[in-house]
Amino acid sequence: MTDIRTFASALGGDVAGRNRVLCPGPGHSRNDRSLSVTFDGAAFAVHSFAGDDWQTCKDYVRERLGFPKWEPGDGQDRRIPAAHLQGFDAGCVDAEANDPRRTEDDLIRIRRARDLWDEGQEPRCTLVETYLRSRCLELGDDLAGKVLRFHPRCPWRDENTGRTIFLPALIAAFRSIDDDQVTAVHRIPLRPDGGKIGRRMLGVVHRAAVKLDPIGPDLAIGEGIETAMAARQLGYSPAWALGSVGAISFFPVINGVKRLLILGEVGKASEQAVRICGQRWQKAWRRVAVVQPATGSDLNDELISRVRRHG
């Protein structure tokens, strides 16, 4: 049977759970992670956080995986009525968000991620600092080496050739929200001038986060590392980065956190993920606030605009 990593590779996405992949939706960019695909053997279910048509998404996944085209069966319409769709989405996501189990395959991927993290080096005075400076982000003592590191030869699959190449990269540790152990690594390969090539995750990101700060009664969560770092500089802390829009929707309720600040981004995918996550926390009687960027598509864009405007 094909394993979940093979499915993720074919879809150009990341493994996000025991049987779930977050990947680009049809017509979206390579860095998009708005499509959730949950596998049960060769069968699968799809959910688009961008609101893409479910049948279009299923056809797209079938094509990418080399599955035969869908053929009508008994002719019954099994689509979920629009009036019940939001509740169905939330119920399915809530069930997985609260499941902390790890499979043997998960443990193998976690070991690979920890090995890569252990190879990381001091990030200051490297391309990591060059990249972060270009985004107006500060690399302080509390982040350097503990949360963010530099890897001089980070493995990266070239999507044009399918081969593994080695590139200098910013790497960040995803730590379990249950026991604080490293479970995955966020990889951002960099060009010689410090520009970003892309971003991917290695390991298990389910129930994990790039924890820029220790947890507190308030907690801000965002998609990208850059968004969460910008939030801290704009006064929203403690802050965690979850890596993708899909991970926002799956973020579980955590003991000790009284108020959740969700760092929204421009777009329908973010709106839907924020709604699903916010409803879960409100049902648990926690306060929820959403922070939207005043300019640009995310808080890092807003920070850059402020810095350039005020010097």
C-alpha atoms as a PDB file:
ATOM      1  CA  MET A   1       0.000   0.000   0.000  1.00  0.00           C
ATOM      2  CA  THR A   2       1.272   3.486  -0.874  1.00  0.00           C
ATOM      3  CA  ASP A   3       2.402   5.369   2.233  1.00  0.00           C
ATOM      4  CA  ILE A   4       1.357   8.872   3.188  1.00  0.00           C
ATOM      5  CA  ARG A   5       4.762  10.347   2.303  1.00  0.00           C
ATOM      6  CA  THR A   6       4.437   9.145  -1.295  1.00  0.00           C
ATOM      7  CA  PHE A   7       1.001  10.751  -1.532  1.00  0.00           C
ATOM      8  CA  ALA A   8       2.375  14.023  -0.107  1.00  0.00           C
ATOM      9  CA  SER A   9       5.245  14.055  -2.596  1.00  0.00           C
ATOM     10  CA  ALA A  10       2.922  13.423  -5.546  1.00  0.00           C
ATOM     11  CA  LEU A  11       0.609  16.224  -4.415  1.00  0.00           C
ATOM     12  CA  GLY A  12       3.457  18.669  -3.768  1.00  0.00           C
ATOM     13  CA  GLY A  13       2.410  19.056  -0.143  1.00  0.00           C
ATOM     14  CA  ASP A  14       3.260  18.122   3.433  1.00  0.00           C
ATOM     15  CA  VAL A  15       2.224  15.280   5.717  1.00  0.00           C
ATOM     16  CA  ALA A  16       0.057  16.836   8.425  1.00  0.00           C
ATOM     17  CA  GLY A  17      -1.256  13.813  10.324  1.00  0.00           C
ATOM     18  CA  ARG A  18      -1.372  10.035  10.343  1.00  0.00           C
ATOM     19  CA  ASN A  19      -3.344   9.953   7.101  1.00  0.00           C
ATOM     20  CA  ARG A  20      -3.645  13.586   6.057  1.00  0.00           C
ATOM     21  CA  VAL A  21      -1.795  15.794   3.571  1.00  0.00           C
ATOM     22  CA  LEU A  22      -1.946  19.580   3.225  1.00  0.00           C
ATOM     23  CA  CYS A  23      -1.150  20.587  -0.353  1.00  0.00           C
ATOM     24  CA  PRO A  24      -1.818  23.191  -3.057  1.00  0.00           C
ATOM     25  CA  GLY A  25      -5.368  23.257  -4.360  1.00  0.00           C
ATOM     26  CA  PRO A  26      -6.132  23.193  -8.095  1.00  0.00           C
ATOM     27  CA  GLY A  27      -4.782  26.321  -9.748  1.00  0.00           C
ATOM     28  CA  HIS A  28      -2.979  27.502  -6.605  1.00  0.00           C
ATOM     29  CA  SER A  29       0.728  28.262  -6.179  1.00  0.00           C
ATOM     30  CA  ARG A  30       3.290  25.678  -5.090  1.00  0.00           C
ATOM     31  CA  ASN A  31       3.500  27.249  -1.638  1.00  0.00           C
ATOM     32  CA  ASP A  32      -0.264  27.057  -1.089  1.00  0.00           C
ATOM     33  CA  ARG A  33      -1.512  24.604   1.546  1.00  0.00           C
ATOM     34  CA  SER A  34      -5.252  25.249   1.348  1.00  0.00           C
ATOM     35  CA  LEU A  35      -6.297  21.715   0.342  1.00  0.00           C
ATOM     36  CA  SER A  36      -6.609  19.000   2.998  1.00  0.00           C
ATOM     37  CA  VAL A  37      -6.653  15.406   1.711  1.00  0.00           C
ATOM     38  CA  THR A  38      -7.453  12.616   4.183  1.00  0.00           C
ATOM     39  CA  PHE A  39      -6.693   9.055   3.051  1.00  0.00           C
ATOM     40  CA  ASP A  40      -8.302   5.751   3.976  1.00  0.00           C
ATOM     41  CA  GLY A  41      -6.322   3.242   1.936  1.00  0.00           C
ATOM     42  CA  ALA A  42      -6.771   4.224  -1.715  1.00  0.00           C
ATOM     43  CA  ALA A  43      -9.932   6.199  -0.887  1.00  0.00           C
ATOM     44  CA  PHE A  44      -9.693   9.822   0.158  1.00  0.00           C
ATOM     45  CA  ALA A  45     -11.744  12.830   1.237  1.00  0.00           C
ATOM     46  CA  VAL A  46     -10.928  16.443   0.403  1.00  0.00           C
ATOM     47  CA  HIS A  47     -11.563  19.769   2.090  1.00  0.00           C
ATOM     48  CA  SER A  48     -10.610  23.117   0.562  1.00  0.00           C
ATOM     49  CA  PHE A  49      -9.980  25.975   2.969  1.00  0.00           C
ATOM     50  CA  ALA A  50     -10.054  28.247  -0.095  1.00  0.00           C
ATOM     51  CA  GLY A  51     -13.615  27.229  -0.923  1.00  0.00           C
ATOM     52  CA  ASP A  52     -12.726  25.373  -4.135  1.00  0.00           C
ATOM     53  CA  ASP A  53     -15.379  23.016  -5.534  1.00  0.00           C
ATOM     54  CA  TRP A  54     -15.086  19.611  -3.842  1.00  0.00           C
ATOM     55  CA  GLN A  55     -15.496  17.624  -7.059  1.00  0.00           C
ATOM     56  CA  THR A  56     -12.857  19.721  -8.828  1.00  0.00           C
ATOM     57  CA  CYS A  57     -10.514  19.054  -5.906  1.00  0.00           C
ATOM     58  CA  LYS A  58     -11.158  15.295  -6.006  1.00  0.00           C
ATOM     59  CA  ASP A  59     -10.541  15.188  -9.764  1.00  0.00           C
ATOM     60  CA  TYR A  60      -7.347  17.178  -9.270  1.00  0.00           C
ATOM     61  CA  VAL A  61      -6.072  14.793  -6.568  1.00  0.00           C
ATOM     62  CA  ARG A  62      -6.936  11.748  -8.669  1.00  0.00           C
ATOM     63  CA  GLU A  63      -5.001  13.172 -11.610  1.00  0.00           C
ATOM     64  CA  ARG A  64      -1.930  14.021  -9.494  1.00  0.00           C
ATOM     65  CA  LEU A  65      -1.914  10.537  -7.941  1.00  0.00           C
ATOM     66  CA  GLY A  66      -2.476   8.733 -11.230  1.00  0.00           C
ATOM     67  CA  PHE A  67      -5.810   7.296 -10.082  1.00  0.00           C
ATOM     68  CA  PRO A  68      -8.489   6.486 -12.684  1.00  0.00           C
ATOM     69  CA  LYS A  69     -11.050   9.175 -13.334  1.00  0.00           C
ATOM     70  CA  TRP A  70     -14.192   9.149 -11.214  1.00  0.00           C
ATOM     71  CA  GLU A  71     -17.098   7.210 -12.675  1.00  0.00           C
ATOM     72  CA  PRO A  72     -20.707   7.593 -11.474  1.00  0.00           C
ATOM     73  CA  GLY A  73     -21.989   4.716  -9.362  1.00  0.00           C
ATOM     74  CA  ASP A  74     -25.580   4.478  -8.207  1.00  0.00           C
ATOM     75  CA  GLY A  75     -26.385   8.051  -9.192  1.00  0.00           C
ATOM     76  CA  GLN A  76     -27.161   9.187  -5.657  1.00  0.00           C
ATOM     77  CA  ASP A  77     -26.131  12.692  -4.702  1.00  0.00           C
ATOM     78  CA  ARG A  78     -24.011  12.368  -1.553  1.00  0.00           C
ATOM     79  CA  ARG A  79     -22.962  15.983  -1.329  1.00  0.00           C
ATOM     80  CA  ILE A  80     -23.474  17.627   2.048  1.00  0.00           C
ATOM     81  CA  PRO A  81     -26.295  20.204   2.015  1.00  0.00           C
ATOM     82  CA  ALA A  82     -24.889  23.735   2.100  1.00  0.00           C
ATOM     83  CA  ALA A  83     -26.815  24.497   5.298  1.00  0.00           C
ATOM     84  CA  HIS A  84     -24.932  21.730   7.136  1.00  0.00           C
ATOM     85  CA  LEU A  85     -21.508  22.150   5.522  1.00  0.00           C
ATOM     86  CA  GLN A  86     -19.941  24.405   8.179  1.00  0.00           C
ATOM     87  CA  GLY A  87     -20.941  22.064  10.997  1.00  0.00           C
ATOM     88  CA  PHE A  88     -19.651  19.048   9.088  1.00  0.00           C
ATOM     89  CA  ASP A  89     -16.315  20.755   8.400  1.00  0.00           C
ATOM     90  CA  ALA A  90     -15.877  21.751  12.042  1.00  0.00           C
ATOM     91  CA  GLY A  91     -16.821  18.297  13.330  1.00  0.00           C
ATOM     92  CA  CYS A  92     -14.342  16.497  11.077  1.00  0.00           C
ATOM     93  CA  VAL A  93     -11.536  18.910  11.888  1.00  0.00           C
ATOM     94  CA  ASP A  94     -12.236  18.884  15.642  1.00  0.00           C
ATOM     95  CA  ALA A  95     -12.008  15.082  15.765  1.00  0.00           C
ATOM     96  CA  GLU A  96      -8.509  15.091  14.286  1.00  0.00           C
ATOM     97  CA  ALA A  97      -7.302  18.185  16.144  1.00  0.00           C
ATOM     98  CA  ASN A  98      -7.812  16.405  19.461  1.00  0.00           C
ATOM     99  CA  ASP A  99      -6.142  13.107  18.441  1.00  0.00           C
ATOM    100  CA  PRO A 100      -2.532  13.004  19.770  1.00  0.00           C
ATOM    101  CA  ARG A 101      -1.652   9.469  18.614  1.00  0.00           C
ATOM    102  CA  ARG A 102       1.552   8.786  16.649  1.00  0.00           C
ATOM    103  CA  THR A 103       2.110   5.906  14.232  1.00  0.00           C
ATOM    104  CA  GLU A 104       5.394   4.086  13.636  1.00  0.00           C
ATOM    105  CA  ASP A 105       5.744   6.048  10.400  1.00  0.00           C
ATOM    106  CA  ASP A 106       5.265   9.271  12.385  1.00  0.00           C
ATOM    107  CA  LEU A 107       8.102   8.284  14.721  1.00  0.00           C
ATOM    108  CA  ILE A 108      10.434   7.610  11.782  1.00  0.00           C
ATOM    109  CA  ARG A 109       9.699  11.035  10.291  1.00  0.00           C
ATOM    110  CA  ILE A 110      10.180  12.678  13.692  1.00  0.00           C
ATOM    111  CA  ARG A 111      13.628  11.074  14.035  1.00  0.00           C
ATOM    112  CA  ARG A 112      14.627  12.387  10.599  1.00  0.00           C
ATOM    113  CA  ALA A 113      13.471  15.875  11.551  1.00  0.00           C
ATOM    114  CA  ARG A 114      15.406  15.798  14.836  1.00  0.00           C
ATOM    115  CA  ASP A 115      18.567  14.699  13.040  1.00  0.00           C
ATOM    116  CA  LEU A 116      18.238  17.658  10.662  1.00  0.00           C
ATOM    117  CA  TRP A 117      17.602  20.040  13.562  1.00  0.00           C
ATOM    118  CA  ASP A 118      20.690  18.756  15.396  1.00  0.00           C
ATOM    119  CA  GLU A 119      22.776  19.571  12.302  1.00  0.00           C
ATOM    120  CA  GLY A 120      21.676  23.214  12.461  1.00  0.00           C
ATOM    121  CA  GLN A 121      24.118  25.975  13.343  1.00  0.00           C
ATOM    122  CA  GLU A 122      24.160  29.449  14.893  1.00  0.00           C
ATOM    123  CA  PRO A 123      22.016  31.597  12.540  1.00  0.00           C
ATOM    124  CA  ARG A 124      23.508  35.008  13.232  1.00  0.00           C
ATOM    125  CA  CYS A 125      25.918  36.407  10.625  1.00  0.00           C
ATOM    126  CA  THR A 126      24.538  33.935   8.043  1.00  0.00           C
ATOM    127  CA  LEU A 127      22.024  34.052   5.190  1.00  0.00           C
ATOM    128  CA  VAL A 128      19.322  33.523   7.823  1.00  0.00           C
ATOM    129  CA  GLU A 129      19.992  36.941   9.311  1.00  0.00           C
ATOM    130  CA  THR A 130      20.197  38.455   5.810  1.00  0.00           C
ATOM    131  CA  TYR A 131      16.786  37.042   4.925  1.00  0.00           C
ATOM    132  CA  LEU A 132      15.117  38.085   8.172  1.00  0.00           C
ATOM    133  CA  ARG A 133      16.572  41.586   7.923  1.00  0.00           C
ATOM    134  CA  SER A 134      15.048  41.903   4.431  1.00  0.00           C
ATOM    135  CA  ARG A 135      11.670  41.203   6.070  1.00  0.00           C
ATOM    136  CA  CYS A 136      12.356  43.746   8.876  1.00  0.00           C
ATOM    137  CA  LEU A 137      12.464  40.895  11.405  1.00  0.00           C
ATOM    138  CA  GLU A 138      14.719  40.834  14.469  1.00  0.00           C
ATOM    139  CA  LEU A 139      16.815  37.761  15.311  1.00  0.00           C
ATOM    140  CA  GLY A 140      17.250  38.061  19.061  1.00  0.00           C
ATOM    141  CA  ASP A 141      19.043  35.886  21.601  1.00  0.00           C
ATOM    142  CA  ASP A 142      15.741  34.245  22.530  1.00  0.00           C
ATOM    143  CA  LEU A 143      15.308  32.885  18.983  1.00  0.00           C
ATOM    144  CA  ALA A 144      18.828  32.333  17.645  1.00  0.00           C
ATOM    145  CA  GLY A 145      19.817  28.692  18.044  1.00  0.00           C
ATOM    146  CA  LYS A 146      16.838  27.847  20.234  1.00  0.00           C
ATOM    147  CA  VAL A 147      14.027  28.332  17.713  1.00  0.00           C
ATOM    148  CA  LEU A 148      15.778  29.246  14.459  1.00  0.00           C
ATOM    149  CA  ARG A 149      19.002  27.811  13.035  1.00  0.00           C
ATOM    150  CA  PHE A 150      21.094  27.877   9.864  1.00  0.00           C
ATOM    151  CA  HIS A 151      21.689  24.693   7.872  1.00  0.00           C
ATOM    152  CA  PRO A 152      24.473  25.044   5.261  1.00  0.00           C
ATOM    153  CA  ARG A 153      23.361  21.971   3.213  1.00  0.00           C
ATOM    154  CA  CYS A 154      19.685  21.351   3.827  1.00  0.00           C
ATOM    155  CA  PRO A 155      18.141  18.571   1.689  1.00  0.00           C
ATOM    156  CA  TRP A 156      15.539  19.863  -0.764  1.00  0.00           C
ATOM    157  CA  ARG A 157      13.665  18.043  -3.512  1.00  0.00           C
ATOM    158  CA  ASP A 158      13.945  19.792  -6.874  1.00  0.00           C
ATOM    159  CA  GLU A 159      10.407  19.693  -8.272  1.00  0.00           C
ATOM    160  CA  ASN A 160      11.688  19.990 -11.843  1.00  0.00           C
ATOM    161  CA  THR A 161      13.990  16.950 -11.700  1.00  0.00           C
ATOM    162  CA  GLY A 162      12.699  15.017  -8.684  1.00  0.00           C
ATOM    163  CA  ARG A 163      16.245  14.863  -7.333  1.00  0.00           C
ATOM    164  CA  THR A 164      17.408  15.862  -3.868  1.00  0.00           C
ATOM    165  CA  ILE A 165      19.697  18.877  -3.839  1.00  0.00           C
ATOM    166  CA  PHE A 166      21.373  20.619  -0.905  1.00  0.00           C
ATOM    167  CA  LEU A 167      20.863  24.313  -0.203  1.00  0.00           C
ATOM    168  CA  PRO A 168      21.631  26.765   2.606  1.00  0.00           C
ATOM    169  CA  ALA A 169      18.454  27.226   4.619  1.00  0.00           C
ATOM    170  CA  LEU A 170      16.728  28.726   7.605  1.00  0.00           C
ATOM    171  CA  ILE A 171      15.373  25.880   9.716  1.00  0.00           C
ATOM    172  CA  ALA A 172      12.892  26.212  12.572  1.00  0.00           C
ATOM    173  CA  ALA A 173      11.884  23.634  15.161  1.00  0.00           C
ATOM    174  CA  PHE A 174       8.284  22.497  15.445  1.00  0.00           C
ATOM    175  CA  ARG A 175       7.705  21.369  19.031  1.00  0.00           C
ATOM    176  CA  SER A 176       4.842  19.237  20.291  1.00  0.00           C
ATOM    177  CA  ILE A 177       2.163  21.147  22.169  1.00  0.00           C
ATOM    178  CA  ASP A 178       1.873  18.083  24.434  1.00  0.00           C
ATOM    179  CA  ASP A 179       5.485  17.480  25.561  1.00  0.00           C
ATOM    180  CA  ASP A 180       7.576  20.242  23.884  1.00  0.00           C
ATOM    181  CA  GLN A 181       9.749  17.730  21.982  1.00  0.00           C
ATOM    182  CA  VAL A 182      10.886  18.483  18.412  1.00  0.00           C
ATOM    183  CA  THR A 183       8.574  16.703  15.960  1.00  0.00           C
ATOM    184  CA  ALA A 184       9.273  18.541  12.697  1.00  0.00           C
ATOM    185  CA  VAL A 185      11.477  21.124  11.011  1.00  0.00           C
ATOM    186  CA  HIS A 186      10.338  24.042   8.874  1.00  0.00           C
ATOM    187  CA  ARG A 187      12.778  24.543   5.969  1.00  0.00           C
ATOM    188  CA  ILE A 188      13.222  27.812   4.059  1.00  0.00           C
ATOM    189  CA  PRO A 189      16.059  27.452   1.499  1.00  0.00           C
ATOM    190  CA  LEU A 190      17.845  30.679   0.634  1.00  0.00           C
ATOM    191  CA  ARG A 191      19.569  32.140  -2.421  1.00  0.00           C
ATOM    192  CA  PRO A 192      23.101  33.601  -2.160  1.00  0.00           C
ATOM    193  CA  ASP A 193      21.566  37.072  -1.740  1.00  0.00           C
ATOM    194  CA  GLY A 194      19.365  35.873   1.130  1.00  0.00           C
ATOM    195  CA  GLY A 195      16.159  35.638  -0.898  1.00  0.00           C
ATOM    196  CA  LYS A 196      13.654  32.881  -0.142  1.00  0.00           C
ATOM    197  CA  ILE A 197      13.373  29.979  -2.592  1.00  0.00           C
ATOM    198  CA  GLY A 198      10.391  28.240  -0.996  1.00  0.00           C
ATOM    199  CA  ARG A 199       9.273  26.546   2.195  1.00  0.00           C
ATOM    200  CA  ARG A 200       8.485  22.982   3.240  1.00  0.00           C
ATOM    201  CA  MET A 201       8.104  20.965   6.403  1.00  0.00           C
ATOM    202  CA  LEU A 202       9.802  17.712   7.368  1.00  0.00           C
ATOM    203  CA  GLY A 203       8.441  15.522  10.160  1.00  0.00           C
ATOM    204  CA  VAL A 204       5.084  15.625  11.955  1.00  0.00           C
ATOM    205  CA  VAL A 205       3.432  19.030  12.367  1.00  0.00           C
ATOM    206  CA  HIS A 206       0.110  17.766  13.773  1.00  0.00           C
ATOM    207  CA  ARG A 207      -0.337  19.186  17.301  1.00  0.00           C
ATOM    208  CA  ALA A 208       2.967  21.052  16.982  1.00  0.00           C
ATOM    209  CA  ALA A 209       4.117  24.641  16.501  1.00  0.00           C
ATOM    210  CA  VAL A 210       7.204  26.790  16.052  1.00  0.00           C
ATOM    211  CA  LYS A 211       7.106  28.240  19.556  1.00  0.00           C
ATOM    212  CA  LEU A 212       8.676  31.683  19.433  1.00  0.00           C
ATOM    213  CA  ASP A 213       7.741  32.238  23.085  1.00  0.00           C
ATOM    214  CA  PRO A 214       6.766  30.173  26.135  1.00  0.00           C
ATOM    215  CA  ILE A 215       3.026  29.718  26.492  1.00  0.00           C
ATOM    216  CA  GLY A 216       0.982  32.200  28.527  1.00  0.00           C
ATOM    217  CA  PRO A 217      -2.643  33.092  29.362  1.00  0.00           C
ATOM    218  CA  ASP A 218      -2.759  34.855  25.974  1.00  0.00           C
ATOM    219  CA  LEU A 219      -1.425  33.164  22.836  1.00  0.00           C
ATOM    220  CA  ALA A 220      -1.128  34.440  19.263  1.00  0.00           C
ATOM    221  CA  ILE A 221      -1.021  31.887  16.433  1.00  0.00           C
ATOM    222  CA  GLY A 222      -0.228  32.502  12.770  1.00  0.00           C
ATOM    223  CA  GLU A 223       0.623  30.613   9.610  1.00  0.00           C
ATOM    224  CA  GLY A 224       4.198  31.544   8.735  1.00  0.00           C
ATOM    225  CA  ILE A 225       7.256  32.133  10.886  1.00  0.00           C
ATOM    226  CA  GLU A 226       7.540  35.606   9.411  1.00  0.00           C
ATOM    227  CA  THR A 227       3.948  36.444  10.384  1.00  0.00           C
ATOM    228  CA  ALA A 228       4.433  35.278  13.971  1.00  0.00           C
ATOM    229  CA  MET A 229       7.767  37.107  14.316  1.00  0.00           C
ATOM    230  CA  ALA A 230       6.182  40.285  12.970  1.00  0.00           C
ATOM    231  CA  ALA A 231       3.321  39.906  15.446  1.00  0.00           C
ATOM    232  CA  ARG A 232       5.780  39.888  18.346  1.00  0.00           C
ATOM    233  CA  GLN A 233       7.377  43.101  17.099  1.00  0.00           C
ATOM    234  CA  LEU A 234       3.920  44.655  16.770  1.00  0.00           C
ATOM    235  CA  GLY A 235       3.092  43.788  20.381  1.00  0.00           C
ATOM    236  CA  TYR A 236       1.258  40.470  20.031  1.00  0.00           C
ATOM    237  CA  SER A 237       2.987  37.882  22.181  1.00  0.00           C
ATOM    238  CA  PRO A 238       3.534  35.139  23.099  1.00  0.00           C
ATOM    239  CA  ALA A 239       3.365  33.960  19.482  1.00  0.00           C
ATOM    240  CA  TRP A 240       3.548  30.596  17.720  1.00  0.00           C
ATOM    241  CA  ALA A 241       3.793  29.776  14.009  1.00  0.00           C
ATOM    242  CA  LEU A 242       1.850  26.744  12.768  1.00  0.00           C
ATOM    243  CA  GLY A 243       3.252  26.522   9.237  1.00  0.00           C
ATOM    244  CA  SER A 244       0.105  26.558   7.092  1.00  0.00           C
ATOM    245  CA  VAL A 245      -3.470  27.759   6.842  1.00  0.00           C
ATOM    246  CA  GLY A 246      -4.701  24.203   7.351  1.00  0.00           C
ATOM    247  CA  ALA A 247      -2.823  23.949  10.639  1.00  0.00           C
ATOM    248  CA  ILE A 248      -4.712  27.001  11.917  1.00  0.00           C
ATOM    249  CA  SER A 249      -8.004  25.155  11.471  1.00  0.00           C
ATOM    250  CA  PHE A 250      -6.687  22.069  13.310  1.00  0.00           C
ATOM    251  CA  PHE A 251      -5.167  23.952  16.272  1.00  0.00           C
ATOM    252  CA  PRO A 252      -6.525  22.325  19.466  1.00  0.00           C
ATOM    253  CA  VAL A 253      -7.689  23.956  22.682  1.00  0.00           C
ATOM    254  CA  ILE A 254      -4.765  24.146  25.138  1.00  0.00           C
ATOM    255  CA  ASN A 255      -4.944  24.135  28.915  1.00  0.00           C
ATOM    256  CA  GLY A 256      -3.829  27.382  30.506  1.00  0.00           C
ATOM    257  CA  VAL A 257      -4.574  29.613  27.516  1.00  0.00           C
ATOM    258  CA  LYS A 258      -7.474  31.937  28.316  1.00  0.00           C
ATOM    259  CA  ARG A 259      -7.439  34.059  25.154  1.00  0.00           C
ATOM    260  CA  LEU A 260      -6.427  33.052  21.636  1.00  0.00           C
ATOM    261  CA  LEU A 261      -5.297  35.695  19.141  1.00  0.00           C
ATOM    262  CA  ILE A 262      -5.537  34.359  15.590  1.00  0.00           C
ATOM    263  CA  LEU A 263      -3.307  36.201  13.115  1.00  0.00           C
ATOM    264  CA  GLY A 264      -5.484  36.323  10.026  1.00  0.00           C
ATOM    265  CA  GLU A 265      -4.296  36.779   6.463  1.00  0.00           C
ATOM    266  CA  VAL A 266      -6.031  38.095   3.372  1.00  0.00           C
ATOM    267  CA  GLY A 267      -7.996  35.446   1.486  1.00  0.00           C
ATOM    268  CA  LYS A 268     -10.869  33.014   1.784  1.00  0.00           C
ATOM    269  CA  ALA A 269      -8.661  30.129   2.967  1.00  0.00           C
ATOM    270  CA  SER A 270      -7.525  32.114   6.004  1.00  0.00           C
ATOM    271  CA  GLU A 271     -11.068  33.292   6.743  1.00  0.00           C
ATOM    272  CA  GLN A 272     -12.392  29.733   6.822  1.00  0.00           C
ATOM    273  CA  ALA A 273      -9.510  28.395   8.922  1.00  0.00           C
ATOM    274  CA  VAL A 274      -9.922  31.250  11.407  1.00  0.00           C
ATOM    275  CA  ARG A 275     -13.649  30.521  11.656  1.00  0.00           C
ATOM    276  CA  ILE A 276     -13.187  26.791  12.322  1.00  0.00           C
ATOM    277  CA  CYS A 277     -10.441  27.345  14.903  1.00  0.00           C
ATOM    278  CA  GLY A 278     -12.249  30.223  16.590  1.00  0.00           C
ATOM    279  CA  GLN A 279     -15.470  28.247  16.960  1.00  0.00           C
ATOM    280  CA  ARG A 280     -13.601  25.343  18.578  1.00  0.00           C
ATOM    281  CA  TRP A 281     -12.051  27.638  21.188  1.00  0.00           C
ATOM    282  CA  GLN A 282     -15.280  29.515  21.845  1.00  0.00           C
ATOM    283  CA  LYS A 283     -17.115  26.235  22.439  1.00  0.00           C
ATOM    284  CA  ALA A 284     -14.495  25.551  25.130  1.00  0.00           C
ATOM    285  CA  TRP A 285     -15.390  28.907  26.730  1.00  0.00           C
ATOM    286  CA  ARG A 286     -12.141  30.625  25.720  1.00  0.00           C
ATOM    287  CA  ARG A 287     -11.923  34.173  24.423  1.00  0.00           C
ATOM    288  CA  VAL A 288     -10.946  34.570  20.778  1.00  0.00           C
ATOM    289  CA  ALA A 289      -9.757  37.651  18.893  1.00  0.00           C
ATOM    290  CA  VAL A 290      -8.691  37.942  15.266  1.00  0.00           C
ATOM    291  CA  VAL A 291      -5.894  40.295  14.213  1.00  0.00           C
ATOM    292  CA  GLN A 292      -6.007  41.315  10.538  1.00  0.00           C
ATOM    293  CA  PRO A 293      -3.225  43.215   8.726  1.00  0.00           C
ATOM    294  CA  ALA A 294      -3.921  46.906   8.147  1.00  0.00           C
ATOM    295  CA  THR A 295      -1.901  46.757   4.919  1.00  0.00           C
ATOM    296  CA  GLY A 296      -0.672  43.938   2.691  1.00  0.00           C
ATOM    297  CA  SER A 297      -1.641  40.285   2.998  1.00  0.00           C
ATOM    298  CA  ASP A 298      -0.247  39.489   6.468  1.00  0.00           C
ATOM    299  CA  LEU A 299       1.297  41.112   9.542  1.00  0.00           C
ATOM    300  CA  ASN A 300       4.800  40.882   8.107  1.00  0.00           C
ATOM    301  CA  ASP A 301       3.662  43.038   5.184  1.00  0.00           C
ATOM    302  CA  GLU A 302       2.189  45.492   7.686  1.00  0.00           C
ATOM    303  CA  LEU A 303       5.435  45.579   9.679  1.00  0.00           C
ATOM    304  CA  ILE A 304       7.509  46.220   6.545  1.00  0.00           C
ATOM    305  CA  SER A 305       5.144  49.033   5.549  1.00  0.00           C
ATOM    306  CA  ARG A 306       5.433  50.647   8.990  1.00  0.00           C
ATOM    307  CA  VAL A 307       9.233  50.420   9.059  1.00  0.00           C
ATOM    308  CA  ARG A 308       9.605  51.910   5.580  1.00  0.00           C
ATOM    309  CA  ARG A 309       7.077  54.643   6.320  1.00  0.00           C
ATOM    310  CA  HIS A 310       8.666  55.730   9.583  1.00  0.00           C
ATOM    311  CA  GLY A 311      12.270  54.807   8.809  1.00  0.00           C
END
